[in-house]
Amino acid sequence: MDFLKPETVLDLANIRDALVRMEDTIIFNFLERSQYFSSPSVYELGKFEIPNFQGSFLDWTLMNLERVHSQVRRYESPDEVPFFPDEILPPLLPSINYPKILASFSDEININDLIKENYIEHIVPLISTGSGEQPENLGSCTVCDIDNLQALSRRIHFGKFVAEAKFQNEREKYTKLIQEKDIAGIEEAITNSAVEERILLRLIEKGKAYGVDPTLKFSQNAQSKVSPEYLAKIYKDWVIPLTKKVEVDYLLRRLEEE
């Protein structure tokens, strides 16, 4: 898809292809994170003394990285959502005049705090090689966490494009649901159980293929770095529900644009 060509972005087939590619990024990022222990100290508020900052080491590192990335236009792209929107800086490169694709309020749909909370609380224990601290790897662990959070955020907030495409394809149906504030009806309309099941099965197969040394996969001792079943669980319990939340939040406000 090309964000300079809205018709390519709102094509559901293109969106599905993009989401499949994002799976690969997320899986490989999880595999990198699986080298390290859970390292809870990097998520603990005030654990490390950082001048003029009261948050966690992860927050401080992510905030500063977003400041740099904002200066190279990362957050001008319609598919990027910052964790610290109030801290980003103007780009040093000339701005790109992206055509309007999403509703004007779309930047206000930001659930990154919820994504980070679920990542730390639920996902990290599933993809870490063990619990506890590794003081020598705290920096590396934090860098991997940031890669994971940014990839998850992009994937989950892509729900805005899914929602817009579905609204455009069935405008009358969604308009009625939105006017009636029928959240259950909207959730039912955006849900395709067969597609979700295929996603989970594909994740398990990818986990088996990507997470094992190919020279050992036929050996009795072959072990995946991240359980393929955990990959499916992460999507089923958090990634898909959070994506649906983004879709519902977006659609509930969609008529403001009309």
C-alpha atoms as a PDB file:
ATOM      1  CA  MET A   1       0.000   0.000   0.000  1.00  0.00           C
ATOM      2  CA  ASP A   2       1.010   3.582  -0.626  1.00  0.00           C
ATOM      3  CA  PHE A   3      -0.077   6.261   1.859  1.00  0.00           C
ATOM      4  CA  LEU A   4       0.104   8.816  -0.933  1.00  0.00           C
ATOM      5  CA  LYS A   5      -2.623   6.824  -2.712  1.00  0.00           C
ATOM      6  CA  PRO A   6      -5.630   6.448  -0.367  1.00  0.00           C
ATOM      7  CA  GLU A   7      -7.346   3.909  -2.607  1.00  0.00           C
ATOM      8  CA  THR A   8      -4.511   1.420  -1.980  1.00  0.00           C
ATOM      9  CA  VAL A   9      -4.646   1.933   1.789  1.00  0.00           C
ATOM     10  CA  LEU A  10      -8.380   1.334   2.145  1.00  0.00           C
ATOM     11  CA  ASP A  11      -8.313  -1.864   0.106  1.00  0.00           C
ATOM     12  CA  LEU A  12      -9.046  -4.665   2.588  1.00  0.00           C
ATOM     13  CA  ALA A  13      -6.860  -7.091   0.641  1.00  0.00           C
ATOM     14  CA  ASN A  14      -3.898  -4.700   0.936  1.00  0.00           C
ATOM     15  CA  ILE A  15      -4.647  -4.224   4.627  1.00  0.00           C
ATOM     16  CA  ARG A  16      -4.657  -8.000   5.183  1.00  0.00           C
ATOM     17  CA  ASP A  17      -1.317  -8.321   3.372  1.00  0.00           C
ATOM     18  CA  ALA A  18       0.158  -5.575   5.549  1.00  0.00           C
ATOM     19  CA  LEU A  19      -1.096  -7.247   8.738  1.00  0.00           C
ATOM     20  CA  VAL A  20       0.446 -10.564   7.662  1.00  0.00           C
ATOM     21  CA  ARG A  21       3.830  -8.871   7.139  1.00  0.00           C
ATOM     22  CA  MET A  22       3.525  -7.261  10.562  1.00  0.00           C
ATOM     23  CA  GLU A  23       3.191 -10.741  12.068  1.00  0.00           C
ATOM     24  CA  ASP A  24       6.698 -11.547  10.863  1.00  0.00           C
ATOM     25  CA  THR A  25       8.111  -8.377  12.417  1.00  0.00           C
ATOM     26  CA  ILE A  26       6.386  -9.080  15.730  1.00  0.00           C
ATOM     27  CA  ILE A  27       7.494 -12.721  15.843  1.00  0.00           C
ATOM     28  CA  PHE A  28      11.140 -11.911  15.095  1.00  0.00           C
ATOM     29  CA  ASN A  29      11.094  -9.108  17.677  1.00  0.00           C
ATOM     30  CA  PHE A  30       9.705 -11.548  20.240  1.00  0.00           C
ATOM     31  CA  LEU A  31      12.485 -13.990  19.374  1.00  0.00           C
ATOM     32  CA  GLU A  32      15.080 -11.280  20.031  1.00  0.00           C
ATOM     33  CA  ARG A  33      13.460 -10.476  23.387  1.00  0.00           C
ATOM     34  CA  SER A  34      13.443 -14.180  24.297  1.00  0.00           C
ATOM     35  CA  GLN A  35      17.223 -14.059  24.839  1.00  0.00           C
ATOM     36  CA  TYR A  36      16.698 -12.176  28.088  1.00  0.00           C
ATOM     37  CA  PHE A  37      15.080 -12.587  31.492  1.00  0.00           C
ATOM     38  CA  SER A  38      11.927 -10.657  32.335  1.00  0.00           C
ATOM     39  CA  SER A  39      14.027  -7.905  34.005  1.00  0.00           C
ATOM     40  CA  PRO A  40      11.211  -6.167  35.913  1.00  0.00           C
ATOM     41  CA  SER A  41      13.477  -3.336  37.084  1.00  0.00           C
ATOM     42  CA  VAL A  42      13.326  -1.640  33.672  1.00  0.00           C
ATOM     43  CA  TYR A  43       9.544  -1.217  34.100  1.00  0.00           C
ATOM     44  CA  GLU A  44       9.642  -0.019  37.708  1.00  0.00           C
ATOM     45  CA  LEU A  45       8.900   3.664  38.250  1.00  0.00           C
ATOM     46  CA  GLY A  46      11.839   5.520  39.805  1.00  0.00           C
ATOM     47  CA  LYS A  47      14.027   2.415  39.999  1.00  0.00           C
ATOM     48  CA  PHE A  48      16.930   4.214  38.338  1.00  0.00           C
ATOM     49  CA  GLU A  49      17.884   7.784  39.162  1.00  0.00           C
ATOM     50  CA  ILE A  50      17.297   9.810  35.990  1.00  0.00           C
ATOM     51  CA  PRO A  51      17.591  13.619  36.237  1.00  0.00           C
ATOM     52  CA  ASN A  52      14.277  15.441  35.776  1.00  0.00           C
ATOM     53  CA  PHE A  53      12.371  12.231  35.063  1.00  0.00           C
ATOM     54  CA  GLN A  54      10.092  10.205  37.344  1.00  0.00           C
ATOM     55  CA  GLY A  55       9.054   7.285  35.136  1.00  0.00           C
ATOM     56  CA  SER A  56      10.616   3.926  34.357  1.00  0.00           C
ATOM     57  CA  PHE A  57      13.855   3.307  32.513  1.00  0.00           C
ATOM     58  CA  LEU A  58      11.805   1.898  29.613  1.00  0.00           C
ATOM     59  CA  ASP A  59       9.676   5.049  29.492  1.00  0.00           C
ATOM     60  CA  TRP A  60      12.719   7.327  29.514  1.00  0.00           C
ATOM     61  CA  THR A  61      14.427   5.406  26.726  1.00  0.00           C
ATOM     62  CA  LEU A  62      11.270   5.153  24.607  1.00  0.00           C
ATOM     63  CA  MET A  63      10.461   8.843  25.053  1.00  0.00           C
ATOM     64  CA  ASN A  64      13.913   9.940  23.923  1.00  0.00           C
ATOM     65  CA  LEU A  65      13.891   7.562  20.971  1.00  0.00           C
ATOM     66  CA  GLU A  66      10.514   8.932  19.884  1.00  0.00           C
ATOM     67  CA  ARG A  67      11.919  12.447  20.017  1.00  0.00           C
ATOM     68  CA  VAL A  68      14.649  11.456  17.589  1.00  0.00           C
ATOM     69  CA  HIS A  69      12.282   9.487  15.361  1.00  0.00           C
ATOM     70  CA  SER A  70       9.872  12.413  15.241  1.00  0.00           C
ATOM     71  CA  GLN A  71      12.638  14.571  13.793  1.00  0.00           C
ATOM     72  CA  VAL A  72      12.952  12.197  10.831  1.00  0.00           C
ATOM     73  CA  ARG A  73       9.172  12.343  10.203  1.00  0.00           C
ATOM     74  CA  ARG A  74       8.200   8.973  11.709  1.00  0.00           C
ATOM     75  CA  TYR A  75       5.068  10.318  13.347  1.00  0.00           C
ATOM     76  CA  GLU A  76       3.901  12.190  10.281  1.00  0.00           C
ATOM     77  CA  SER A  77       3.159   8.807   8.732  1.00  0.00           C
ATOM     78  CA  PRO A  78      -0.546   7.925   9.165  1.00  0.00           C
ATOM     79  CA  ASP A  79       0.285   4.426  10.480  1.00  0.00           C
ATOM     80  CA  GLU A  80       2.539   5.523  13.351  1.00  0.00           C
ATOM     81  CA  VAL A  81       1.230   6.423  16.809  1.00  0.00           C
ATOM     82  CA  PRO A  82       3.650   7.760  19.475  1.00  0.00           C
ATOM     83  CA  PHE A  83       3.649   6.619  23.082  1.00  0.00           C
ATOM     84  CA  PHE A  84       4.597  10.157  24.167  1.00  0.00           C
ATOM     85  CA  PRO A  85       2.675  12.427  21.770  1.00  0.00           C
ATOM     86  CA  ASP A  86       3.300  15.504  23.914  1.00  0.00           C
ATOM     87  CA  GLU A  87       7.075  15.015  23.720  1.00  0.00           C
ATOM     88  CA  ILE A  88       7.669  14.595  19.994  1.00  0.00           C
ATOM     89  CA  LEU A  89       9.582  17.288  18.102  1.00  0.00           C
ATOM     90  CA  PRO A  90       9.063  18.946  14.712  1.00  0.00           C
ATOM     91  CA  PRO A  91      10.752  17.081  11.868  1.00  0.00           C
ATOM     92  CA  LEU A  92      14.080  18.296  10.523  1.00  0.00           C
ATOM     93  CA  LEU A  93      13.217  16.889   7.087  1.00  0.00           C
ATOM     94  CA  PRO A  94      10.595  18.615   4.919  1.00  0.00           C
ATOM     95  CA  SER A  95       7.086  17.477   5.782  1.00  0.00           C
ATOM     96  CA  ILE A  96       5.217  15.105   3.475  1.00  0.00           C
ATOM     97  CA  ASN A  97       1.758  16.248   2.438  1.00  0.00           C
ATOM     98  CA  TYR A  98      -0.122  12.973   2.922  1.00  0.00           C
ATOM     99  CA  PRO A  99      -3.644  12.950   1.484  1.00  0.00           C
ATOM    100  CA  LYS A 100      -6.507  12.564   3.931  1.00  0.00           C
ATOM    101  CA  ILE A 101      -7.256   8.874   4.544  1.00  0.00           C
ATOM    102  CA  LEU A 102      -8.635   8.661   8.069  1.00  0.00           C
ATOM    103  CA  ALA A 103     -11.080  10.895   9.904  1.00  0.00           C
ATOM    104  CA  SER A 104      -9.635  14.100  11.326  1.00  0.00           C
ATOM    105  CA  PHE A 105      -9.930  12.833  14.926  1.00  0.00           C
ATOM    106  CA  SER A 106      -7.901   9.662  14.230  1.00  0.00           C
ATOM    107  CA  ASP A 107      -4.804  10.901  16.094  1.00  0.00           C
ATOM    108  CA  GLU A 108      -6.932  11.056  19.246  1.00  0.00           C
ATOM    109  CA  ILE A 109      -7.456   7.274  19.059  1.00  0.00           C
ATOM    110  CA  ASN A 110      -4.322   6.256  20.951  1.00  0.00           C
ATOM    111  CA  ILE A 111      -4.329   3.230  23.267  1.00  0.00           C
ATOM    112  CA  ASN A 112      -0.559   2.946  23.623  1.00  0.00           C
ATOM    113  CA  ASP A 113      -0.755   3.154  27.425  1.00  0.00           C
ATOM    114  CA  LEU A 114      -3.035   0.097  27.387  1.00  0.00           C
ATOM    115  CA  ILE A 115      -0.738  -1.702  24.935  1.00  0.00           C
ATOM    116  CA  LYS A 116       2.289  -1.044  27.152  1.00  0.00           C
ATOM    117  CA  GLU A 117       0.434  -2.173  30.265  1.00  0.00           C
ATOM    118  CA  ASN A 118      -0.617  -5.458  28.670  1.00  0.00           C
ATOM    119  CA  TYR A 119       2.818  -6.001  27.156  1.00  0.00           C
ATOM    120  CA  ILE A 120       4.608  -5.645  30.495  1.00  0.00           C
ATOM    121  CA  GLU A 121       2.033  -7.524  32.537  1.00  0.00           C
ATOM    122  CA  HIS A 122       1.128 -10.385  30.215  1.00  0.00           C
ATOM    123  CA  ILE A 123       3.383 -10.667  27.170  1.00  0.00           C
ATOM    124  CA  VAL A 124       6.847 -10.225  28.704  1.00  0.00           C
ATOM    125  CA  PRO A 125       6.448 -13.271  31.002  1.00  0.00           C
ATOM    126  CA  LEU A 126       5.519 -15.405  27.969  1.00  0.00           C
ATOM    127  CA  ILE A 127       8.462 -14.409  25.772  1.00  0.00           C
ATOM    128  CA  SER A 128      11.249 -14.084  28.363  1.00  0.00           C
ATOM    129  CA  THR A 129      13.795 -16.851  28.774  1.00  0.00           C
ATOM    130  CA  GLY A 130      13.251 -16.740  32.535  1.00  0.00           C
ATOM    131  CA  SER A 131      12.034 -14.563  35.408  1.00  0.00           C
ATOM    132  CA  GLY A 132      14.252 -12.218  37.393  1.00  0.00           C
ATOM    133  CA  GLU A 133      17.016  -9.763  36.652  1.00  0.00           C
ATOM    134  CA  GLN A 134      20.052  -9.738  34.377  1.00  0.00           C
ATOM    135  CA  PRO A 135      21.843  -6.483  35.270  1.00  0.00           C
ATOM    136  CA  GLU A 136      24.304  -6.856  32.396  1.00  0.00           C
ATOM    137  CA  ASN A 137      21.462  -7.010  29.839  1.00  0.00           C
ATOM    138  CA  LEU A 138      19.086  -4.295  31.038  1.00  0.00           C
ATOM    139  CA  GLY A 139      19.928  -1.990  28.134  1.00  0.00           C
ATOM    140  CA  SER A 140      19.588  -4.716  25.501  1.00  0.00           C
ATOM    141  CA  CYS A 141      16.338  -5.883  27.074  1.00  0.00           C
ATOM    142  CA  THR A 142      14.953  -2.328  26.952  1.00  0.00           C
ATOM    143  CA  VAL A 143      15.864  -1.896  23.284  1.00  0.00           C
ATOM    144  CA  CYS A 144      14.067  -5.154  22.451  1.00  0.00           C
ATOM    145  CA  ASP A 145      11.036  -4.043  24.459  1.00  0.00           C
ATOM    146  CA  ILE A 146      10.856  -0.817  22.463  1.00  0.00           C
ATOM    147  CA  ASP A 147      10.986  -2.723  19.176  1.00  0.00           C
ATOM    148  CA  ASN A 148       8.155  -4.921  20.429  1.00  0.00           C
ATOM    149  CA  LEU A 149       6.023  -2.044  21.673  1.00  0.00           C
ATOM    150  CA  GLN A 150       6.375  -0.055  18.461  1.00  0.00           C
ATOM    151  CA  ALA A 151       5.568  -3.085  16.295  1.00  0.00           C
ATOM    152  CA  LEU A 152       2.547  -3.986  18.429  1.00  0.00           C
ATOM    153  CA  SER A 153       1.338  -0.396  18.432  1.00  0.00           C
ATOM    154  CA  ARG A 154       1.529  -0.130  14.652  1.00  0.00           C
ATOM    155  CA  ARG A 155      -0.296  -3.428  14.192  1.00  0.00           C
ATOM    156  CA  ILE A 156      -3.032  -2.661  16.703  1.00  0.00           C
ATOM    157  CA  HIS A 157      -3.623   0.916  15.566  1.00  0.00           C
ATOM    158  CA  PHE A 158      -3.911  -0.333  11.993  1.00  0.00           C
ATOM    159  CA  GLY A 159      -7.418  -1.092  13.179  1.00  0.00           C
ATOM    160  CA  LYS A 160      -8.222   2.505  12.201  1.00  0.00           C
ATOM    161  CA  PHE A 161      -7.637   1.673   8.544  1.00  0.00           C
ATOM    162  CA  VAL A 162      -9.631  -1.549   8.895  1.00  0.00           C
ATOM    163  CA  ALA A 163     -12.504   0.397  10.442  1.00  0.00           C
ATOM    164  CA  GLU A 164     -12.446   3.108   7.782  1.00  0.00           C
ATOM    165  CA  ALA A 165     -12.363   0.540   4.973  1.00  0.00           C
ATOM    166  CA  LYS A 166     -15.296  -1.374   6.466  1.00  0.00           C
ATOM    167  CA  PHE A 167     -17.258   1.855   6.978  1.00  0.00           C
ATOM    168  CA  GLN A 168     -16.673   2.890   3.354  1.00  0.00           C
ATOM    169  CA  ASN A 169     -17.720  -0.566   2.092  1.00  0.00           C
ATOM    170  CA  GLU A 170     -20.921  -0.742   4.175  1.00  0.00           C
ATOM    171  CA  ARG A 171     -21.683   2.870   5.000  1.00  0.00           C
ATOM    172  CA  GLU A 172     -25.431   2.441   5.563  1.00  0.00           C
ATOM    173  CA  LYS A 173     -25.005  -0.545   7.899  1.00  0.00           C
ATOM    174  CA  TYR A 174     -22.348   1.107  10.057  1.00  0.00           C
ATOM    175  CA  THR A 175     -24.086   4.475  10.085  1.00  0.00           C
ATOM    176  CA  LYS A 176     -27.154   2.852  11.642  1.00  0.00           C
ATOM    177  CA  LEU A 177     -25.056   1.023  14.272  1.00  0.00           C
ATOM    178  CA  ILE A 178     -23.134   4.194  15.130  1.00  0.00           C
ATOM    179  CA  GLN A 179     -26.284   6.321  15.406  1.00  0.00           C
ATOM    180  CA  GLU A 180     -27.761   3.757  17.781  1.00  0.00           C
ATOM    181  CA  LYS A 181     -24.465   3.552  19.704  1.00  0.00           C
ATOM    182  CA  ASP A 182     -24.783  -0.208  19.333  1.00  0.00           C
ATOM    183  CA  ILE A 183     -21.320  -1.266  20.544  1.00  0.00           C
ATOM    184  CA  ALA A 184     -22.217  -4.947  20.602  1.00  0.00           C
ATOM    185  CA  GLY A 185     -23.562  -4.659  17.061  1.00  0.00           C
ATOM    186  CA  ILE A 186     -20.394  -2.903  15.870  1.00  0.00           C
ATOM    187  CA  GLU A 187     -18.219  -5.560  17.514  1.00  0.00           C
ATOM    188  CA  GLU A 188     -20.231  -8.285  15.805  1.00  0.00           C
ATOM    189  CA  ALA A 189     -20.036  -6.510  12.440  1.00  0.00           C
ATOM    190  CA  ILE A 190     -16.244  -6.136  12.529  1.00  0.00           C
ATOM    191  CA  THR A 191     -15.612  -9.705  13.723  1.00  0.00           C
ATOM    192  CA  ASN A 192     -14.737 -12.455  11.283  1.00  0.00           C
ATOM    193  CA  SER A 193     -14.151 -15.573  13.369  1.00  0.00           C
ATOM    194  CA  ALA A 194     -12.896 -17.624  10.428  1.00  0.00           C
ATOM    195  CA  VAL A 195     -10.220 -15.041   9.618  1.00  0.00           C
ATOM    196  CA  GLU A 196      -9.174 -14.847  13.265  1.00  0.00           C
ATOM    197  CA  GLU A 197      -8.825 -18.631  13.429  1.00  0.00           C
ATOM    198  CA  ARG A 198      -6.643 -18.617  10.314  1.00  0.00           C
ATOM    199  CA  ILE A 199      -4.439 -15.949  11.910  1.00  0.00           C
ATOM    200  CA  LEU A 200      -3.906 -18.078  15.013  1.00  0.00           C
ATOM    201  CA  LEU A 201      -3.116 -21.194  12.976  1.00  0.00           C
ATOM    202  CA  ARG A 202      -0.697 -19.211  10.795  1.00  0.00           C
ATOM    203  CA  LEU A 203       1.062 -17.846  13.873  1.00  0.00           C
ATOM    204  CA  ILE A 204       1.587 -21.355  15.240  1.00  0.00           C
ATOM    205  CA  GLU A 205       3.092 -22.498  11.928  1.00  0.00           C
ATOM    206  CA  LYS A 206       5.296 -19.414  11.705  1.00  0.00           C
ATOM    207  CA  GLY A 207       6.410 -19.919  15.294  1.00  0.00           C
ATOM    208  CA  LYS A 208       7.448 -23.469  14.471  1.00  0.00           C
ATOM    209  CA  ALA A 209       9.327 -22.332  11.371  1.00  0.00           C
ATOM    210  CA  TYR A 210      10.980 -19.151  12.653  1.00  0.00           C
ATOM    211  CA  GLY A 211      11.741 -20.079  16.232  1.00  0.00           C
ATOM    212  CA  VAL A 212      13.779 -23.246  15.676  1.00  0.00           C
ATOM    213  CA  ASP A 213      17.235 -23.806  14.196  1.00  0.00           C
ATOM    214  CA  PRO A 214      16.311 -25.376  10.821  1.00  0.00           C
ATOM    215  CA  THR A 215      19.178 -27.847  11.128  1.00  0.00           C
ATOM    216  CA  LEU A 216      17.618 -29.167  14.336  1.00  0.00           C
ATOM    217  CA  LYS A 217      13.905 -29.065  13.616  1.00  0.00           C
ATOM    218  CA  PHE A 218      13.750 -32.769  12.816  1.00  0.00           C
ATOM    219  CA  SER A 219      15.719 -33.633  15.934  1.00  0.00           C
ATOM    220  CA  GLN A 220      14.065 -34.740  19.152  1.00  0.00           C
ATOM    221  CA  ASN A 221      15.964 -31.949  20.907  1.00  0.00           C
ATOM    222  CA  ALA A 222      14.642 -29.120  18.754  1.00  0.00           C
ATOM    223  CA  GLN A 223      13.135 -26.396  20.959  1.00  0.00           C
ATOM    224  CA  SER A 224      11.406 -23.207  19.915  1.00  0.00           C
ATOM    225  CA  LYS A 225      12.739 -19.984  21.458  1.00  0.00           C
ATOM    226  CA  VAL A 226       9.165 -18.749  21.921  1.00  0.00           C
ATOM    227  CA  SER A 227       6.360 -21.272  22.177  1.00  0.00           C
ATOM    228  CA  PRO A 228       4.196 -21.130  19.010  1.00  0.00           C
ATOM    229  CA  GLU A 229       1.181 -21.618  21.246  1.00  0.00           C
ATOM    230  CA  TYR A 230       2.212 -18.499  23.180  1.00  0.00           C
ATOM    231  CA  LEU A 231       2.299 -16.522  19.926  1.00  0.00           C
ATOM    232  CA  ALA A 232      -1.278 -17.583  19.214  1.00  0.00           C
ATOM    233  CA  LYS A 233      -2.303 -16.777  22.796  1.00  0.00           C
ATOM    234  CA  ILE A 234      -0.775 -13.293  22.600  1.00  0.00           C
ATOM    235  CA  TYR A 235      -2.784 -12.534  19.470  1.00  0.00           C
ATOM    236  CA  LYS A 236      -5.979 -14.146  20.732  1.00  0.00           C
ATOM    237  CA  ASP A 237      -5.941 -12.569  24.188  1.00  0.00           C
ATOM    238  CA  TRP A 238      -4.415  -9.145  23.506  1.00  0.00           C
ATOM    239  CA  VAL A 239      -3.504  -8.177  19.944  1.00  0.00           C
ATOM    240  CA  ILE A 240      -6.860  -8.995  18.313  1.00  0.00           C
ATOM    241  CA  PRO A 241      -9.037  -7.643  21.181  1.00  0.00           C
ATOM    242  CA  LEU A 242      -7.014  -4.410  21.339  1.00  0.00           C
ATOM    243  CA  THR A 243      -7.267  -4.010  17.564  1.00  0.00           C
ATOM    244  CA  LYS A 244     -11.027  -4.400  17.839  1.00  0.00           C
ATOM    245  CA  LYS A 245     -11.082  -1.762  20.567  1.00  0.00           C
ATOM    246  CA  VAL A 246      -9.336   0.653  18.201  1.00  0.00           C
ATOM    247  CA  GLU A 247     -11.857  -0.173  15.476  1.00  0.00           C
ATOM    248  CA  VAL A 248     -14.835   0.339  17.784  1.00  0.00           C
ATOM    249  CA  ASP A 249     -13.430   3.577  19.266  1.00  0.00           C
ATOM    250  CA  TYR A 250     -12.858   4.904  15.746  1.00  0.00           C
ATOM    251  CA  LEU A 251     -16.259   3.878  14.384  1.00  0.00           C
ATOM    252  CA  LEU A 252     -18.167   5.310  17.346  1.00  0.00           C
ATOM    253  CA  ARG A 253     -16.841   8.730  16.351  1.00  0.00           C
ATOM    254  CA  ARG A 254     -16.902   8.237  12.585  1.00  0.00           C
ATOM    255  CA  LEU A 255     -20.068  10.273  11.997  1.00  0.00           C
ATOM    256  CA  GLU A 256     -18.386  13.357  13.462  1.00  0.00           C
ATOM    257  CA  GLU A 257     -16.632  13.561  10.106  1.00  0.00           C
ATOM    258  CA  GLU A 258     -19.936  13.559   8.226  1.00  0.00           C
END
